[in-house]
C-alpha atoms as a PDB file:
ATOM      1  CA  UNK A   1     -17.412   7.907  14.687  1.00  0.00           C
ATOM      2  CA  UNK A   2     -18.476   6.745  11.223  1.00  0.00           C
ATOM      3  CA  UNK A   3     -20.839   3.884  10.323  1.00  0.00           C
ATOM      4  CA  UNK A   4     -20.326   4.294   6.590  1.00  0.00           C
ATOM      5  CA  UNK A   5     -19.346   6.850   3.957  1.00  0.00           C
ATOM      6  CA  UNK A   6     -20.921   7.358   0.544  1.00  0.00           C
ATOM      7  CA  UNK A   7     -18.965   8.938  -2.255  1.00  0.00           C
ATOM      8  CA  UNK A   8     -16.928   8.418  -5.410  1.00  0.00           C
ATOM      9  CA  UNK A   9     -13.881   6.157  -5.667  1.00  0.00           C
ATOM     10  CA  UNK A  10     -11.202   8.464  -7.087  1.00  0.00           C
ATOM     11  CA  UNK A  11      -8.087   6.332  -6.509  1.00  0.00           C
ATOM     12  CA  UNK A  12      -7.298   2.628  -6.075  1.00  0.00           C
ATOM     13  CA  UNK A  13      -3.951   1.461  -4.671  1.00  0.00           C
ATOM     14  CA  UNK A  14      -2.633  -1.974  -3.569  1.00  0.00           C
ATOM     15  CA  UNK A  15      -3.834  -1.531   0.022  1.00  0.00           C
ATOM     16  CA  UNK A  16      -6.273   1.381   0.032  1.00  0.00           C
ATOM     17  CA  UNK A  17      -8.860   3.414  -1.838  1.00  0.00           C
ATOM     18  CA  UNK A  18      -9.565   7.138  -1.791  1.00  0.00           C
ATOM     19  CA  UNK A  19     -13.249   7.978  -1.402  1.00  0.00           C
ATOM     20  CA  UNK A  20     -14.298  11.529  -2.265  1.00  0.00           C
ATOM     21  CA  UNK A  21     -17.246  12.921  -0.332  1.00  0.00           C
ATOM     22  CA  UNK A  22     -18.341  16.577  -0.334  1.00  0.00           C
ATOM     23  CA  UNK A  23     -15.002  17.773  -1.670  1.00  0.00           C
ATOM     24  CA  UNK A  24     -12.937  15.746   0.810  1.00  0.00           C
ATOM     25  CA  UNK A  25     -10.842  12.692  -0.065  1.00  0.00           C
ATOM     26  CA  UNK A  26     -10.832   9.945   2.571  1.00  0.00           C
ATOM     27  CA  UNK A  27      -7.941   7.450   2.480  1.00  0.00           C
ATOM     28  CA  UNK A  28      -9.487   4.115   3.458  1.00  0.00           C
ATOM     29  CA  UNK A  29      -7.485   0.925   4.022  1.00  0.00           C
ATOM     30  CA  UNK A  30      -9.342  -2.145   2.781  1.00  0.00           C
ATOM     31  CA  UNK A  31      -8.638  -5.871   2.292  1.00  0.00           C
ATOM     32  CA  UNK A  32      -9.919  -5.791  -1.294  1.00  0.00           C
ATOM     33  CA  UNK A  33      -9.205  -2.434  -3.020  1.00  0.00           C
ATOM     34  CA  UNK A  34      -9.501  -3.921  -6.506  1.00  0.00           C
ATOM     35  CA  UNK A  35     -13.097  -4.959  -5.896  1.00  0.00           C
ATOM     36  CA  UNK A  36     -13.965  -1.287  -6.361  1.00  0.00           C
ATOM     37  CA  UNK A  37     -14.102   0.544  -9.684  1.00  0.00           C
ATOM     38  CA  UNK A  38     -12.499   3.882 -10.437  1.00  0.00           C
ATOM     39  CA  UNK A  39     -15.081   6.712 -10.481  1.00  0.00           C
ATOM     40  CA  UNK A  40     -17.901   4.491  -9.196  1.00  0.00           C
ATOM     41  CA  UNK A  41     -20.271   5.664  -6.479  1.00  0.00           C
ATOM     42  CA  UNK A  42     -19.896   3.456  -3.432  1.00  0.00           C
ATOM     43  CA  UNK A  43     -21.059   3.004   0.134  1.00  0.00           C
ATOM     44  CA  UNK A  44     -18.138   1.923   2.299  1.00  0.00           C
ATOM     45  CA  UNK A  45     -18.677   0.664   5.850  1.00  0.00           C
ATOM     46  CA  UNK A  46     -16.076   2.350   8.026  1.00  0.00           C
ATOM     47  CA  UNK A  47     -14.202   1.376  11.165  1.00  0.00           C
ATOM     48  CA  UNK A  48     -12.266   4.300  12.626  1.00  0.00           C
ATOM     49  CA  UNK A  49      -9.271   3.472  14.815  1.00  0.00           C
ATOM     50  CA  UNK A  50      -7.362   6.121  16.765  1.00  0.00           C
ATOM     51  CA  UNK A  51      -3.927   5.290  18.153  1.00  0.00           C
ATOM     52  CA  UNK A  52      -1.883   8.024  19.816  1.00  0.00           C
ATOM     53  CA  UNK A  53      -1.898  10.838  17.238  1.00  0.00           C
ATOM     54  CA  UNK A  54      -2.880   8.647  14.277  1.00  0.00           C
ATOM     55  CA  UNK A  55      -6.434   8.266  12.975  1.00  0.00           C
ATOM     56  CA  UNK A  56      -6.950   5.493  10.412  1.00  0.00           C
ATOM     57  CA  UNK A  57     -10.053   4.518   8.455  1.00  0.00           C
ATOM     58  CA  UNK A  58     -10.698   0.893   7.472  1.00  0.00           C
ATOM     59  CA  UNK A  59     -13.374   0.209   4.892  1.00  0.00           C
ATOM     60  CA  UNK A  60     -15.566  -2.729   3.899  1.00  0.00           C
ATOM     61  CA  UNK A  61     -18.266  -3.501   1.369  1.00  0.00           C
ATOM     62  CA  UNK A  62     -20.685  -4.942   3.915  1.00  0.00           C
ATOM     63  CA  UNK A  63     -21.543  -4.689   7.588  1.00  0.00           C
ATOM     64  CA  UNK A  64     -20.685  -8.399   7.992  1.00  0.00           C
ATOM     65  CA  UNK A  65     -17.161  -7.749   6.698  1.00  0.00           C
ATOM     66  CA  UNK A  66     -16.761  -4.906   9.182  1.00  0.00           C
ATOM     67  CA  UNK A  67     -17.945  -7.145  12.024  1.00  0.00           C
ATOM     68  CA  UNK A  68     -15.461  -9.858  11.020  1.00  0.00           C
ATOM     69  CA  UNK A  69     -12.658  -7.275  10.974  1.00  0.00           C
ATOM     70  CA  UNK A  70     -13.574  -6.183  14.501  1.00  0.00           C
ATOM     71  CA  UNK A  71     -13.675  -9.798  15.701  1.00  0.00           C
ATOM     72  CA  UNK A  72     -10.170 -10.412  14.380  1.00  0.00           C
ATOM     73  CA  UNK A  73      -8.801  -7.065  15.533  1.00  0.00           C
ATOM     74  CA  UNK A  74      -9.882  -7.739  19.118  1.00  0.00           C
ATOM     75  CA  UNK A  75      -7.706 -10.855  19.312  1.00  0.00           C
ATOM     76  CA  UNK A  76      -4.571 -10.236  21.367  1.00  0.00           C
ATOM     77  CA  UNK A  77      -1.548 -10.103  19.058  1.00  0.00           C
ATOM     78  CA  UNK A  78      -3.506  -9.187  15.926  1.00  0.00           C
ATOM     79  CA  UNK A  79      -3.472  -5.614  14.717  1.00  0.00           C
ATOM     80  CA  UNK A  80      -5.662  -4.044  12.044  1.00  0.00           C
ATOM     81  CA  UNK A  81      -3.124  -4.809   9.297  1.00  0.00           C
ATOM     82  CA  UNK A  82      -3.042  -8.514  10.151  1.00  0.00           C
ATOM     83  CA  UNK A  83      -6.838  -8.571  10.273  1.00  0.00           C
ATOM     84  CA  UNK A  84      -6.953  -7.096   6.748  1.00  0.00           C
ATOM     85  CA  UNK A  85      -4.417  -9.651   5.489  1.00  0.00           C
ATOM     86  CA  UNK A  86      -6.492 -12.525   6.879  1.00  0.00           C
ATOM     87  CA  UNK A  87      -9.680 -11.150   5.326  1.00  0.00           C
ATOM     88  CA  UNK A  88      -8.010 -10.650   1.953  1.00  0.00           C
ATOM     89  CA  UNK A  89      -7.924 -14.422   1.423  1.00  0.00           C
ATOM     90  CA  UNK A  90     -11.741 -14.272   1.104  1.00  0.00           C
ATOM     91  CA  UNK A  91     -11.947 -17.857   2.380  1.00  0.00           C
ATOM     92  CA  UNK A  92     -14.153 -16.971   5.326  1.00  0.00           C
ATOM     93  CA  UNK A  93     -15.686 -20.414   5.718  1.00  0.00           C
ATOM     94  CA  UNK A  94     -12.176 -21.935   5.665  1.00  0.00           C
ATOM     95  CA  UNK A  95     -11.051 -19.474   8.328  1.00  0.00           C
ATOM     96  CA  UNK A  96     -14.091 -20.226  10.491  1.00  0.00           C
ATOM     97  CA  UNK A  97     -13.533 -23.959  10.106  1.00  0.00           C
ATOM     98  CA  UNK A  98      -9.848 -23.610  11.053  1.00  0.00           C
ATOM     99  CA  UNK A  99     -10.774 -21.630  14.166  1.00  0.00           C
ATOM    100  CA  UNK A 100     -13.498 -24.085  15.170  1.00  0.00           C
ATOM    101  CA  UNK A 101     -11.254 -27.128  14.675  1.00  0.00           C
ATOM    102  CA  UNK A 102      -8.177 -25.502  16.223  1.00  0.00           C
ATOM    103  CA  UNK A 103      -6.129 -25.779  13.013  1.00  0.00           C
ATOM    104  CA  UNK A 104      -3.089 -23.786  14.167  1.00  0.00           C
ATOM    105  CA  UNK A 105      -1.008 -24.747  11.123  1.00  0.00           C
ATOM    106  CA  UNK A 106      -3.553 -23.207   8.718  1.00  0.00           C
ATOM    107  CA  UNK A 107      -3.745 -19.965  10.695  1.00  0.00           C
ATOM    108  CA  UNK A 108       0.055 -19.656  10.769  1.00  0.00           C
ATOM    109  CA  UNK A 109       0.095 -19.338   6.969  1.00  0.00           C
ATOM    110  CA  UNK A 110      -1.189 -15.770   7.207  1.00  0.00           C
ATOM    111  CA  UNK A 111       1.519 -13.049   7.276  1.00  0.00           C
ATOM    112  CA  UNK A 112       2.589 -12.004  10.758  1.00  0.00           C
ATOM    113  CA  UNK A 113       0.754 -14.869  12.470  1.00  0.00           C
ATOM    114  CA  UNK A 114       2.998 -17.096  14.585  1.00  0.00           C
ATOM    115  CA  UNK A 115       2.075 -20.106  16.681  1.00  0.00           C
ATOM    116  CA  UNK A 116       1.274 -18.044  19.773  1.00  0.00           C
ATOM    117  CA  UNK A 117      -1.041 -15.668  17.907  1.00  0.00           C
ATOM    118  CA  UNK A 118      -2.684 -18.531  15.996  1.00  0.00           C
ATOM    119  CA  UNK A 119      -3.428 -20.242  19.311  1.00  0.00           C
ATOM    120  CA  UNK A 120      -4.854 -16.984  20.644  1.00  0.00           C
ATOM    121  CA  UNK A 121      -7.143 -16.689  17.606  1.00  0.00           C
ATOM    122  CA  UNK A 122      -8.554 -20.136  18.369  1.00  0.00           C
ATOM    123  CA  UNK A 123      -8.890 -19.340  22.079  1.00  0.00           C
ATOM    124  CA  UNK A 124     -10.658 -16.012  21.506  1.00  0.00           C
ATOM    125  CA  UNK A 125     -12.853 -16.833  18.499  1.00  0.00           C
ATOM    126  CA  UNK A 126     -13.761 -20.509  18.835  1.00  0.00           C
ATOM    127  CA  UNK A 127     -17.552 -20.757  18.902  1.00  0.00           C
ATOM    128  CA  UNK A 128     -18.008 -17.163  17.704  1.00  0.00           C
ATOM    129  CA  UNK A 129     -17.750 -17.694  13.947  1.00  0.00           C
ATOM    130  CA  UNK A 130     -20.626 -20.063  13.204  1.00  0.00           C
ATOM    131  CA  UNK A 131     -22.256 -17.488  10.913  1.00  0.00           C
ATOM    132  CA  UNK A 132     -19.183 -17.549   8.663  1.00  0.00           C
ATOM    133  CA  UNK A 133     -19.119 -21.332   8.188  1.00  0.00           C
ATOM    134  CA  UNK A 134     -21.914 -21.200   5.619  1.00  0.00           C
ATOM    135  CA  UNK A 135     -20.429 -22.021   2.212  1.00  0.00           C
ATOM    136  CA  UNK A 136     -22.674 -19.347   0.717  1.00  0.00           C
ATOM    137  CA  UNK A 137     -20.974 -16.625   2.766  1.00  0.00           C
ATOM    138  CA  UNK A 138     -18.212 -14.848   0.879  1.00  0.00           C
ATOM    139  CA  UNK A 139     -16.463 -11.586   1.581  1.00  0.00           C
ATOM    140  CA  UNK A 140     -17.904  -8.687  -0.416  1.00  0.00           C
ATOM    141  CA  UNK A 141     -18.964  -8.474  -4.043  1.00  0.00           C
ATOM    142  CA  UNK A 142     -16.286  -8.616  -6.669  1.00  0.00           C
ATOM    143  CA  UNK A 143     -15.773  -5.867  -9.212  1.00  0.00           C
ATOM    144  CA  UNK A 144     -16.860  -6.695 -12.753  1.00  0.00           C
ATOM    145  CA  UNK A 145     -14.486  -4.181 -14.321  1.00  0.00           C
ATOM    146  CA  UNK A 146     -12.537  -5.538 -17.272  1.00  0.00           C
ATOM    147  CA  UNK A 147      -8.807  -4.915 -17.344  1.00  0.00           C
ATOM    148  CA  UNK A 148      -6.745  -4.532 -20.463  1.00  0.00           C
ATOM    149  CA  UNK A 149      -3.103  -5.399 -19.797  1.00  0.00           C
ATOM    150  CA  UNK A 150      -2.296  -8.800 -18.293  1.00  0.00           C
ATOM    151  CA  UNK A 151       1.237  -7.792 -17.282  1.00  0.00           C
ATOM    152  CA  UNK A 152       0.054  -4.551 -15.650  1.00  0.00           C
ATOM    153  CA  UNK A 153      -2.633  -6.329 -13.651  1.00  0.00           C
ATOM    154  CA  UNK A 154      -0.249  -9.138 -12.705  1.00  0.00           C
ATOM    155  CA  UNK A 155       2.330  -6.605 -11.442  1.00  0.00           C
ATOM    156  CA  UNK A 156      -0.320  -4.733  -9.457  1.00  0.00           C
ATOM    157  CA  UNK A 157      -1.458  -7.981  -7.858  1.00  0.00           C
ATOM    158  CA  UNK A 158       2.106  -8.675  -6.656  1.00  0.00           C
ATOM    159  CA  UNK A 159       2.196  -5.196  -5.107  1.00  0.00           C
ATOM    160  CA  UNK A 160      -1.116  -5.919  -3.392  1.00  0.00           C
ATOM    161  CA  UNK A 161       0.242  -9.171  -1.920  1.00  0.00           C
ATOM    162  CA  UNK A 162       3.290  -7.307  -0.589  1.00  0.00           C
ATOM    163  CA  UNK A 163       1.003  -4.654   0.907  1.00  0.00           C
ATOM    164  CA  UNK A 164      -0.792  -7.447   2.786  1.00  0.00           C
ATOM    165  CA  UNK A 165       2.473  -8.392   4.501  1.00  0.00           C
ATOM    166  CA  UNK A 166       3.847 -11.267   2.423  1.00  0.00           C
ATOM    167  CA  UNK A 167       7.596 -11.111   1.788  1.00  0.00           C
ATOM    168  CA  UNK A 168       9.160 -10.737  -1.654  1.00  0.00           C
ATOM    169  CA  UNK A 169      10.696 -14.183  -1.239  1.00  0.00           C
ATOM    170  CA  UNK A 170       7.294 -15.769  -0.547  1.00  0.00           C
ATOM    171  CA  UNK A 171       5.748 -13.987  -3.523  1.00  0.00           C
ATOM    172  CA  UNK A 172       8.635 -14.883  -5.852  1.00  0.00           C
ATOM    173  CA  UNK A 173       8.035 -18.567  -5.080  1.00  0.00           C
ATOM    174  CA  UNK A 174       4.435 -18.504  -6.281  1.00  0.00           C
ATOM    175  CA  UNK A 175       4.658 -15.850  -9.022  1.00  0.00           C
ATOM    176  CA  UNK A 176       5.555 -18.213 -11.933  1.00  0.00           C
ATOM    177  CA  UNK A 177       2.534 -20.403 -11.220  1.00  0.00           C
ATOM    178  CA  UNK A 178       0.362 -17.349 -10.641  1.00  0.00           C
ATOM    179  CA  UNK A 179       1.356 -15.844 -13.986  1.00  0.00           C
ATOM    180  CA  UNK A 180       0.431 -19.086 -15.748  1.00  0.00           C
ATOM    181  CA  UNK A 181      -3.146 -18.604 -14.575  1.00  0.00           C
ATOM    182  CA  UNK A 182      -3.537 -15.823 -17.204  1.00  0.00           C
ATOM    183  CA  UNK A 183      -6.365 -14.072 -15.373  1.00  0.00           C
ATOM    184  CA  UNK A 184      -8.074 -10.858 -16.459  1.00  0.00           C
ATOM    185  CA  UNK A 185      -8.464  -8.820 -13.280  1.00  0.00           C
ATOM    186  CA  UNK A 186      -6.226  -7.707 -10.425  1.00  0.00           C
ATOM    187  CA  UNK A 187      -8.554  -9.052  -7.740  1.00  0.00           C
ATOM    188  CA  UNK A 188      -8.585 -12.460  -9.486  1.00  0.00           C
ATOM    189  CA  UNK A 189      -4.771 -12.560  -9.440  1.00  0.00           C
ATOM    190  CA  UNK A 190      -4.735 -11.529  -5.762  1.00  0.00           C
ATOM    191  CA  UNK A 191      -7.263 -14.200  -4.807  1.00  0.00           C
ATOM    192  CA  UNK A 192      -5.358 -16.900  -6.722  1.00  0.00           C
ATOM    193  CA  UNK A 193      -2.058 -15.692  -5.256  1.00  0.00           C
ATOM    194  CA  UNK A 194      -3.446 -15.943  -1.734  1.00  0.00           C
ATOM    195  CA  UNK A 195      -4.624 -19.494  -2.432  1.00  0.00           C
ATOM    196  CA  UNK A 196      -1.103 -20.430  -3.545  1.00  0.00           C
ATOM    197  CA  UNK A 197       0.480 -18.737  -0.530  1.00  0.00           C
ATOM    198  CA  UNK A 198      -1.847 -20.529   1.878  1.00  0.00           C
ATOM    199  CA  UNK A 199      -0.910 -23.878   0.315  1.00  0.00           C
ATOM    200  CA  UNK A 200       2.816 -23.379   0.910  1.00  0.00           C
END
């Protein structure tokens, strides 16, 4: 069982990072891979999940993020992937408010979340997310790395949205407006894309 791992980020992909520690490379799924920088030293809070013969590591920038992941993952009908997709929106206070007010329609905008699961989220988590309703609470720290090619970063952001579970059709609908934003970093495109998808 791991609490956290410290090492060097050697690879960043749309839905995971590879953290090298003592000559071993750990593949870690995370809701915000582009918040990390290539070759930076990082401490990643780890949740290890074993299912049948598969062992998967999920990583977060803070203990609070890890705790939120575990809250979501314990809801019946939500798996780890859906929990990551929900967290990727970074609108934690909005999520907490939706749960507290029973806003099923808002929760159904996340990929893989139907009416039954949205209702279960409210049933299981209502009254348990007060800490996340503070407007000052935001998921993780963003990377300050500067990116060079708008088209490359835009394309990578679309891949990241697909990795979170959104369909190509859903992404195609918001991509023209997303491209008009002319942002500089992949994580900025992803965050803006998620805002557009949640408005649909």
